[in-house]
């Protein structure tokens, strides 16, 4: 699967907290964000909010 660039805007205090989490786990800010988003997607699929196939709409 190809990687893509995604730009997002967030409150500075949320970015700072995300950076603290990343530092605590010795990850980059981007890696931490991806990890959190993947967990949210997995949880949503398990709850039936998303289909198992990411390309289906």
PDB file of N, CA and C in Angstrom:
ATOM      1  N   UNK A   1       0.842  -1.168   0.000  1.00  0.00           N
ATOM      2  CA  UNK A   1       0.000   0.000   0.000  1.00  0.00           C
ATOM      3  C   UNK A   1       0.896   1.244   0.000  1.00  0.00           C
ATOM      4  N   UNK A   2       0.560   2.183  -0.849  1.00  0.00           N
ATOM      5  CA  UNK A   2       1.362   3.404  -0.960  1.00  0.00           C
ATOM      6  C   UNK A   2       1.110   4.331   0.211  1.00  0.00           C
ATOM      7  N   UNK A   3       2.134   5.031   0.605  1.00  0.00           N
ATOM      8  CA  UNK A   3       1.988   6.033   1.665  1.00  0.00           C
ATOM      9  C   UNK A   3       1.645   7.368   1.020  1.00  0.00           C
ATOM     10  N   UNK A   4       0.830   8.136   1.707  1.00  0.00           N
ATOM     11  CA  UNK A   4       0.420   9.456   1.228  1.00  0.00           C
ATOM     12  C   UNK A   4       0.688  10.483   2.323  1.00  0.00           C
ATOM     13  N   UNK A   5       0.739  11.716   1.936  1.00  0.00           N
ATOM     14  CA  UNK A   5       0.917  12.805   2.887  1.00  0.00           C
ATOM     15  C   UNK A   5      -0.450  13.359   3.256  1.00  0.00           C
ATOM     16  N   UNK A   6      -0.674  13.573   4.546  1.00  0.00           N
ATOM     17  CA  UNK A   6      -1.917  14.158   5.034  1.00  0.00           C
ATOM     18  C   UNK A   6      -1.543  15.341   5.922  1.00  0.00           C
ATOM     19  N   UNK A   7      -2.164  16.459   5.672  1.00  0.00           N
ATOM     20  CA  UNK A   7      -1.936  17.643   6.491  1.00  0.00           C
ATOM     21  C   UNK A   7      -3.142  17.832   7.399  1.00  0.00           C
ATOM     22  N   UNK A   8      -2.885  18.105   8.662  1.00  0.00           N
ATOM     23  CA  UNK A   8      -3.996  18.377   9.557  1.00  0.00           C
ATOM     24  C   UNK A   8      -3.649  19.550  10.449  1.00  0.00           C
ATOM     25  N   UNK A   9      -4.687  20.167  10.963  1.00  0.00           N
ATOM     26  CA  UNK A   9      -4.523  21.307  11.858  1.00  0.00           C
ATOM     27  C   UNK A   9      -5.085  20.917  13.211  1.00  0.00           C
ATOM     28  N   UNK A  10      -4.340  21.204  14.250  1.00  0.00           N
ATOM     29  CA  UNK A  10      -4.785  20.863  15.600  1.00  0.00           C
ATOM     30  C   UNK A  10      -4.352  21.965  16.551  1.00  0.00           C
ATOM     31  N   UNK A  11      -4.960  21.953  17.705  1.00  0.00           N
ATOM     32  CA  UNK A  11      -4.592  22.923  18.731  1.00  0.00           C
ATOM     33  C   UNK A  11      -3.154  22.662  19.174  1.00  0.00           C
ATOM     34  N   UNK A  12      -2.444  23.724  19.485  1.00  0.00           N
ATOM     35  CA  UNK A  12      -1.043  23.606  19.869  1.00  0.00           C
ATOM     36  C   UNK A  12      -0.857  22.718  21.096  1.00  0.00           C
ATOM     37  N   UNK A  13      -1.774  22.824  22.078  1.00  0.00           N
ATOM     38  CA  UNK A  13      -1.630  21.995  23.268  1.00  0.00           C
ATOM     39  C   UNK A  13      -1.824  20.502  22.952  1.00  0.00           C
ATOM     40  N   UNK A  14      -2.668  20.189  21.956  1.00  0.00           N
ATOM     41  CA  UNK A  14      -2.833  18.796  21.546  1.00  0.00           C
ATOM     42  C   UNK A  14      -1.572  18.285  20.837  1.00  0.00           C
ATOM     43  N   UNK A  15      -0.979  19.140  20.038  1.00  0.00           N
ATOM     44  CA  UNK A  15       0.271  18.775  19.363  1.00  0.00           C
ATOM     45  C   UNK A  15       1.376  18.556  20.383  1.00  0.00           C
ATOM     46  N   UNK A  16       1.437  19.396  21.391  1.00  0.00           N
ATOM     47  CA  UNK A  16       2.448  19.249  22.435  1.00  0.00           C
ATOM     48  C   UNK A  16       2.262  17.940  23.202  1.00  0.00           C
ATOM     49  N   UNK A  17       1.005  17.602  23.503  1.00  0.00           N
ATOM     50  CA  UNK A  17       0.721  16.349  24.202  1.00  0.00           C
ATOM     51  C   UNK A  17       1.091  15.154  23.329  1.00  0.00           C
ATOM     52  N   UNK A  18       0.777  15.240  22.043  1.00  0.00           N
ATOM     53  CA  UNK A  18       1.142  14.174  21.109  1.00  0.00           C
ATOM     54  C   UNK A  18       2.659  14.018  21.042  1.00  0.00           C
ATOM     55  N   UNK A  19       3.366  15.124  21.054  1.00  0.00           N
ATOM     56  CA  UNK A  19       4.830  15.077  21.033  1.00  0.00           C
ATOM     57  C   UNK A  19       5.363  14.429  22.309  1.00  0.00           C
ATOM     58  N   UNK A  20       4.753  14.721  23.438  1.00  0.00           N
ATOM     59  CA  UNK A  20       5.169  14.100  24.698  1.00  0.00           C
ATOM     60  C   UNK A  20       4.972  12.584  24.645  1.00  0.00           C
ATOM     61  N   UNK A  21       3.834  12.145  24.096  1.00  0.00           N
ATOM     62  CA  UNK A  21       3.592  10.708  23.936  1.00  0.00           C
ATOM     63  C   UNK A  21       4.641  10.085  23.026  1.00  0.00           C
ATOM     64  N   UNK A  22       4.922  10.756  21.919  1.00  0.00           N
ATOM     65  CA  UNK A  22       5.913  10.252  20.971  1.00  0.00           C
ATOM     66  C   UNK A  22       7.285  10.147  21.634  1.00  0.00           C
ATOM     67  N   UNK A  23       7.663  11.162  22.366  1.00  0.00           N
ATOM     68  CA  UNK A  23       8.954  11.147  23.054  1.00  0.00           C
ATOM     69  C   UNK A  23       9.027  10.007  24.064  1.00  0.00           C
ATOM     70  N   UNK A  24       7.935   9.792  24.797  1.00  0.00           N
ATOM     71  CA  UNK A  24       7.910   8.743  25.814  1.00  0.00           C
ATOM     72  C   UNK A  24       8.069   7.355  25.200  1.00  0.00           C
ATOM     73  N   UNK A  25       7.604   7.191  23.958  1.00  0.00           N
ATOM     74  CA  UNK A  25       7.701   5.900  23.287  1.00  0.00           C
ATOM     75  C   UNK A  25       8.832   5.860  22.255  1.00  0.00           C
ATOM     76  N   UNK A  26       9.670   6.890  22.270  1.00  0.00           N
ATOM     77  CA  UNK A  26      10.790   7.000  21.336  1.00  0.00           C
ATOM     78  C   UNK A  26      10.348   6.829  19.888  1.00  0.00           C
ATOM     79  N   UNK A  27       9.298   7.574  19.540  1.00  0.00           N
ATOM     80  CA  UNK A  27       8.757   7.590  18.176  1.00  0.00           C
ATOM     81  C   UNK A  27       8.758   9.028  17.684  1.00  0.00           C
ATOM     82  N   UNK A  28       8.652   9.166  16.368  1.00  0.00           N
ATOM     83  CA  UNK A  28       8.492  10.507  15.817  1.00  0.00           C
ATOM     84  C   UNK A  28       7.040  10.937  16.012  1.00  0.00           C
ATOM     85  N   UNK A  29       6.794  12.210  15.882  1.00  0.00           N
ATOM     86  CA  UNK A  29       5.436  12.746  15.985  1.00  0.00           C
ATOM     87  C   UNK A  29       4.542  12.070  14.940  1.00  0.00           C
ATOM     88  N   UNK A  30       5.039  11.935  13.737  1.00  0.00           N
ATOM     89  CA  UNK A  30       4.277  11.301  12.661  1.00  0.00           C
ATOM     90  C   UNK A  30       3.974   9.839  12.976  1.00  0.00           C
ATOM     91  N   UNK A  31       4.966   9.103  13.459  1.00  0.00           N
ATOM     92  CA  UNK A  31       4.748   7.696  13.803  1.00  0.00           C
ATOM     93  C   UNK A  31       3.695   7.565  14.898  1.00  0.00           C
ATOM     94  N   UNK A  32       3.742   8.449  15.884  1.00  0.00           N
ATOM     95  CA  UNK A  32       2.774   8.396  16.985  1.00  0.00           C
ATOM     96  C   UNK A  32       1.379   8.683  16.467  1.00  0.00           C
ATOM     97  N   UNK A  33       1.243   9.675  15.617  1.00  0.00           N
ATOM     98  CA  UNK A  33      -0.067  10.013  15.054  1.00  0.00           C
ATOM     99  C   UNK A  33      -0.626   8.841  14.250  1.00  0.00           C
ATOM    100  N   UNK A  34       0.204   8.207  13.438  1.00  0.00           N
ATOM    101  CA  UNK A  34      -0.239   7.064  12.647  1.00  0.00           C
ATOM    102  C   UNK A  34      -0.677   5.918  13.561  1.00  0.00           C
ATOM    103  N   UNK A  35       0.092   5.654  14.605  1.00  0.00           N
ATOM    104  CA  UNK A  35      -0.256   4.587  15.550  1.00  0.00           C
ATOM    105  C   UNK A  35      -1.630   4.841  16.179  1.00  0.00           C
ATOM    106  N   UNK A  36      -1.868   6.055  16.623  1.00  0.00           N
ATOM    107  CA  UNK A  36      -3.147   6.404  17.249  1.00  0.00           C
ATOM    108  C   UNK A  36      -4.289   6.309  16.234  1.00  0.00           C
ATOM    109  N   UNK A  37      -4.069   6.800  15.032  1.00  0.00           N
ATOM    110  CA  UNK A  37      -5.112   6.737  14.008  1.00  0.00           C
ATOM    111  C   UNK A  37      -5.422   5.300  13.614  1.00  0.00           C
ATOM    112  N   UNK A  38      -4.397   4.455  13.486  1.00  0.00           N
ATOM    113  CA  UNK A  38      -4.634   3.050  13.148  1.00  0.00           C
ATOM    114  C   UNK A  38      -5.462   2.367  14.231  1.00  0.00           C
ATOM    115  N   UNK A  39      -5.192   2.685  15.494  1.00  0.00           N
ATOM    116  CA  UNK A  39      -5.973   2.095  16.583  1.00  0.00           C
ATOM    117  C   UNK A  39      -7.420   2.562  16.511  1.00  0.00           C
ATOM    118  N   UNK A  40      -7.638   3.831  16.232  1.00  0.00           N
ATOM    119  CA  UNK A  40      -8.996   4.357  16.127  1.00  0.00           C
ATOM    120  C   UNK A  40      -9.742   3.694  14.963  1.00  0.00           C
ATOM    121  N   UNK A  41      -9.059   3.473  13.852  1.00  0.00           N
ATOM    122  CA  UNK A  41      -9.672   2.814  12.694  1.00  0.00           C
ATOM    123  C   UNK A  41     -10.010   1.361  13.029  1.00  0.00           C
ATOM    124  N   UNK A  42      -9.079   0.671  13.680  1.00  0.00           N
ATOM    125  CA  UNK A  42      -9.318  -0.726  14.088  1.00  0.00           C
ATOM    126  C   UNK A  42     -10.520  -0.810  15.013  1.00  0.00           C
ATOM    127  N   UNK A  43     -10.572   0.067  16.006  1.00  0.00           N
ATOM    128  CA  UNK A  43     -11.686   0.083  16.950  1.00  0.00           C
ATOM    129  C   UNK A  43     -13.008   0.361  16.232  1.00  0.00           C
ATOM    130  N   UNK A  44     -13.008   1.304  15.302  1.00  0.00           N
ATOM    131  CA  UNK A  44     -14.227   1.637  14.556  1.00  0.00           C
ATOM    132  C   UNK A  44     -14.690   0.453  13.713  1.00  0.00           C
ATOM    133  N   UNK A  45     -13.757  -0.286  13.127  1.00  0.00           N
ATOM    134  CA  UNK A  45     -14.127  -1.482  12.353  1.00  0.00           C
ATOM    135  C   UNK A  45     -14.740  -2.533  13.267  1.00  0.00           C
ATOM    136  N   UNK A  46     -14.139  -2.723  14.439  1.00  0.00           N
ATOM    137  CA  UNK A  46     -14.657  -3.712  15.393  1.00  0.00           C
ATOM    138  C   UNK A  46     -16.051  -3.337  15.879  1.00  0.00           C
ATOM    139  N   UNK A  47     -16.353  -2.046  15.947  1.00  0.00           N
ATOM    140  CA  UNK A  47     -17.667  -1.565  16.380  1.00  0.00           C
ATOM    141  C   UNK A  47     -18.663  -1.502  15.230  1.00  0.00           C
ATOM    142  N   UNK A  48     -18.216  -1.861  14.017  1.00  0.00           N
ATOM    143  CA  UNK A  48     -19.100  -1.851  12.857  1.00  0.00           C
ATOM    144  C   UNK A  48     -19.320  -0.490  12.241  1.00  0.00           C
ATOM    145  N   UNK A  49     -18.522   0.482  12.641  1.00  0.00           N
ATOM    146  CA  UNK A  49     -18.664   1.834  12.096  1.00  0.00           C
ATOM    147  C   UNK A  49     -17.999   1.970  10.729  1.00  0.00           C
ATOM    148  N   UNK A  50     -17.053   1.085  10.438  1.00  0.00           N
ATOM    149  CA  UNK A  50     -16.347   1.060   9.157  1.00  0.00           C
ATOM    150  C   UNK A  50     -16.374  -0.361   8.605  1.00  0.00           C
ATOM    151  N   UNK A  51     -16.325  -0.458   7.285  1.00  0.00           N
ATOM    152  CA  UNK A  51     -16.262  -1.778   6.673  1.00  0.00           C
ATOM    153  C   UNK A  51     -14.835  -2.323   6.808  1.00  0.00           C
ATOM    154  N   UNK A  52     -14.694  -3.616   6.659  1.00  0.00           N
ATOM    155  CA  UNK A  52     -13.369  -4.246   6.744  1.00  0.00           C
ATOM    156  C   UNK A  52     -12.503  -3.874   5.545  1.00  0.00           C
ATOM    157  N   UNK A  53     -13.108  -3.635   4.411  1.00  0.00           N
ATOM    158  CA  UNK A  53     -12.380  -3.295   3.189  1.00  0.00           C
ATOM    159  C   UNK A  53     -12.257  -1.780   3.091  1.00  0.00           C
ATOM    160  N   UNK A  54     -11.038  -1.237   3.260  1.00  0.00           N
ATOM    161  CA  UNK A  54     -10.902   0.227   3.249  1.00  0.00           C
ATOM    162  C   UNK A  54     -11.265   0.883   1.924  1.00  0.00           C
ATOM    163  N   UNK A  55     -11.276   0.131   0.822  1.00  0.00           N
ATOM    164  CA  UNK A  55     -11.585   0.751  -0.463  1.00  0.00           C
ATOM    165  C   UNK A  55     -13.083   0.772  -0.753  1.00  0.00           C
ATOM    166  N   UNK A  56     -13.904   0.051   0.034  1.00  0.00           N
ATOM    167  CA  UNK A  56     -15.341   0.073  -0.199  1.00  0.00           C
ATOM    168  C   UNK A  56     -15.931   1.342   0.410  1.00  0.00           C
ATOM    169  N   UNK A  57     -16.936   1.891  -0.251  1.00  0.00           N
ATOM    170  CA  UNK A  57     -17.514   3.166   0.211  1.00  0.00           C
ATOM    171  C   UNK A  57     -18.949   3.016   0.561  1.00  0.00           C
TER     172      UNK A  57
END
